Amino acid sequence: MFVLAKFIWTTHSSKKLLEKFLGPFKIIKKPSTYSYQVKLPAYLRSIHSIFYLLQLELPSLSSIKRHHNPPLLPIKVEGNIEYEIVQVLDLKLNC
């Protein structure tokens, strides 16, 4: 579970350059319908560990930094190890 970093005070000089979410953190329990308690690391010990549902985000399978994708499995083509292209995301032609 990722925690929204918008309302967490830091000593960083610019909030624009910070990550949008901190984590991932492990969920300890669900004290109410709309809140979760997460296990925070020692450097965040001054922050209350219970967060409202809208301040949390589930990890997604994407290529965004700090998100986790399963590694692609290599295939052998004529004795060479290669990776199969699953999808072309964008194309730019200079004509």
C-alpha atoms as a PDB file:
ATOM      1  CA  MET A   1       0.000   0.000   0.000  1.00  0.00           C
ATOM      2  CA  PHE A   2       1.329   3.455  -0.888  1.00  0.00           C
ATOM      3  CA  VAL A   3       0.628   6.553   1.263  1.00  0.00           C
ATOM      4  CA  LEU A   4      -0.119   9.981  -0.228  1.00  0.00           C
ATOM      5  CA  ALA A   5       2.875  12.227   0.540  1.00  0.00           C
ATOM      6  CA  LYS A   6       1.003  15.518   0.017  1.00  0.00           C
ATOM      7  CA  PHE A   7       0.269  16.145   3.686  1.00  0.00           C
ATOM      8  CA  ILE A   8       3.470  14.693   5.152  1.00  0.00           C
ATOM      9  CA  TRP A   9       5.928  17.393   6.232  1.00  0.00           C
ATOM     10  CA  THR A  10       9.501  16.912   5.006  1.00  0.00           C
ATOM     11  CA  THR A  11      12.732  18.904   5.102  1.00  0.00           C
ATOM     12  CA  HIS A  12      13.040  18.788   1.317  1.00  0.00           C
ATOM     13  CA  SER A  13      13.385  22.225  -0.262  1.00  0.00           C
ATOM     14  CA  SER A  14      10.705  21.671  -2.916  1.00  0.00           C
ATOM     15  CA  LYS A  15       7.544  19.577  -2.637  1.00  0.00           C
ATOM     16  CA  LYS A  16       7.218  19.556  -6.434  1.00  0.00           C
ATOM     17  CA  LEU A  17      10.291  17.349  -6.728  1.00  0.00           C
ATOM     18  CA  LEU A  18       9.124  14.773  -4.186  1.00  0.00           C
ATOM     19  CA  GLU A  19       7.395  11.502  -4.962  1.00  0.00           C
ATOM     20  CA  LYS A  20       3.606  11.671  -4.985  1.00  0.00           C
ATOM     21  CA  PHE A  21       3.274   8.508  -2.888  1.00  0.00           C
ATOM     22  CA  LEU A  22       5.537   6.988  -0.230  1.00  0.00           C
ATOM     23  CA  GLY A  23       5.902   3.269   0.202  1.00  0.00           C
ATOM     24  CA  PRO A  24       5.104   0.478  -0.302  1.00  0.00           C
ATOM     25  CA  PHE A  25       4.054  -0.227   3.272  1.00  0.00           C
ATOM     26  CA  LYS A  26       2.454  -3.304   4.782  1.00  0.00           C
ATOM     27  CA  ILE A  27      -1.130  -3.102   6.091  1.00  0.00           C
ATOM     28  CA  ILE A  28      -1.335  -4.080   9.754  1.00  0.00           C
ATOM     29  CA  LYS A  29      -5.085  -3.872  10.343  1.00  0.00           C
ATOM     30  CA  LYS A  30      -8.324  -2.166   9.343  1.00  0.00           C
ATOM     31  CA  PRO A  31      -9.623  -0.240  12.389  1.00  0.00           C
ATOM     32  CA  SER A  32     -12.749   1.053  10.623  1.00  0.00           C
ATOM     33  CA  THR A  33     -14.582   0.891   7.307  1.00  0.00           C
ATOM     34  CA  TYR A  34     -12.634   3.738   5.681  1.00  0.00           C
ATOM     35  CA  SER A  35      -9.231   3.593   7.383  1.00  0.00           C
ATOM     36  CA  TYR A  36      -6.180   1.339   7.441  1.00  0.00           C
ATOM     37  CA  GLN A  37      -3.206   1.103   9.765  1.00  0.00           C
ATOM     38  CA  VAL A  38       0.103   0.615   7.971  1.00  0.00           C
ATOM     39  CA  LYS A  39       3.535  -0.345   9.275  1.00  0.00           C
ATOM     40  CA  LEU A  40       5.695   2.764   8.856  1.00  0.00           C
ATOM     41  CA  PRO A  41       9.517   2.713   8.938  1.00  0.00           C
ATOM     42  CA  ALA A  42      11.470   4.284  11.805  1.00  0.00           C
ATOM     43  CA  TYR A  43      12.120   7.571   9.965  1.00  0.00           C
ATOM     44  CA  LEU A  44       8.339   8.189   9.818  1.00  0.00           C
ATOM     45  CA  ARG A  45       7.704   7.359  13.487  1.00  0.00           C
ATOM     46  CA  SER A  46       6.339  10.860  14.230  1.00  0.00           C
ATOM     47  CA  ILE A  47       3.419  10.307  11.812  1.00  0.00           C
ATOM     48  CA  HIS A  48       0.227   8.603  12.921  1.00  0.00           C
ATOM     49  CA  SER A  49       0.059   5.184  11.266  1.00  0.00           C
ATOM     50  CA  ILE A  50      -3.709   5.172  10.523  1.00  0.00           C
ATOM     51  CA  PHE A  51      -4.684   6.630   7.152  1.00  0.00           C
ATOM     52  CA  TYR A  52      -8.008   7.399   5.515  1.00  0.00           C
ATOM     53  CA  LEU A  53      -8.825   5.278   2.464  1.00  0.00           C
ATOM     54  CA  LEU A  54      -8.386   8.179  -0.012  1.00  0.00           C
ATOM     55  CA  GLN A  55      -4.829   8.793   1.260  1.00  0.00           C
ATOM     56  CA  LEU A  56      -3.775   5.300   0.169  1.00  0.00           C
ATOM     57  CA  GLU A  57      -3.132   3.749  -3.211  1.00  0.00           C
ATOM     58  CA  LEU A  58      -2.741   0.127  -4.215  1.00  0.00           C
ATOM     59  CA  PRO A  59       0.438  -0.854  -6.041  1.00  0.00           C
ATOM     60  CA  SER A  60      -0.171  -1.270  -9.761  1.00  0.00           C
ATOM     61  CA  LEU A  61       1.602  -3.326 -12.386  1.00  0.00           C
ATOM     62  CA  SER A  62       3.221  -0.552 -14.394  1.00  0.00           C
ATOM     63  CA  SER A  63       6.642   0.650 -15.467  1.00  0.00           C
ATOM     64  CA  ILE A  64       6.451   3.771 -13.288  1.00  0.00           C
ATOM     65  CA  LYS A  65       9.288   4.262 -10.808  1.00  0.00           C
ATOM     66  CA  ARG A  66       8.766   2.407  -7.509  1.00  0.00           C
ATOM     67  CA  HIS A  67       6.081   0.227  -9.071  1.00  0.00           C
ATOM     68  CA  HIS A  68       6.833  -3.396  -9.749  1.00  0.00           C
ATOM     69  CA  ASN A  69       6.437  -5.308 -12.992  1.00  0.00           C
ATOM     70  CA  PRO A  70       7.186  -9.003 -13.231  1.00  0.00           C
ATOM     71  CA  PRO A  71      10.381  -9.555 -15.237  1.00  0.00           C
ATOM     72  CA  LEU A  72      10.017 -10.714 -18.830  1.00  0.00           C
ATOM     73  CA  LEU A  73      11.137 -14.240 -19.530  1.00  0.00           C
ATOM     74  CA  PRO A  74      13.863 -14.617 -22.160  1.00  0.00           C
ATOM     75  CA  ILE A  75      13.389 -16.921 -25.161  1.00  0.00           C
ATOM     76  CA  LYS A  76      16.025 -18.657 -27.284  1.00  0.00           C
ATOM     77  CA  VAL A  77      16.099 -17.752 -30.980  1.00  0.00           C
ATOM     78  CA  GLU A  78      18.725 -19.606 -33.022  1.00  0.00           C
ATOM     79  CA  GLY A  79      20.840 -20.144 -29.913  1.00  0.00           C
ATOM     80  CA  ASN A  80      20.693 -16.497 -28.783  1.00  0.00           C
ATOM     81  CA  ILE A  81      18.757 -15.329 -25.718  1.00  0.00           C
ATOM     82  CA  GLU A  82      16.254 -12.619 -26.685  1.00  0.00           C
ATOM     83  CA  TYR A  83      13.143 -10.985 -25.266  1.00  0.00           C
ATOM     84  CA  GLU A  84       9.766 -10.975 -26.990  1.00  0.00           C
ATOM     85  CA  ILE A  85       8.142  -7.581 -27.645  1.00  0.00           C
ATOM     86  CA  VAL A  86       4.653  -7.655 -26.157  1.00  0.00           C
ATOM     87  CA  GLN A  87       3.352  -4.267 -27.306  1.00  0.00           C
ATOM     88  CA  VAL A  88       4.605  -1.139 -29.081  1.00  0.00           C
ATOM     89  CA  LEU A  89       3.473   1.813 -26.976  1.00  0.00           C
ATOM     90  CA  ASP A  90       4.405   4.717 -29.234  1.00  0.00           C
ATOM     91  CA  LEU A  91       5.887   5.402 -32.618  1.00  0.00           C
ATOM     92  CA  LYS A  92       7.515   8.497 -34.062  1.00  0.00           C
ATOM     93  CA  LEU A  93       8.348   8.851 -37.739  1.00  0.00           C
ATOM     94  CA  ASN A  94      10.588  11.646 -38.993  1.00  0.00           C
ATOM     95  CA  CYS A  95       9.576  12.196 -42.617  1.00  0.00           C
END
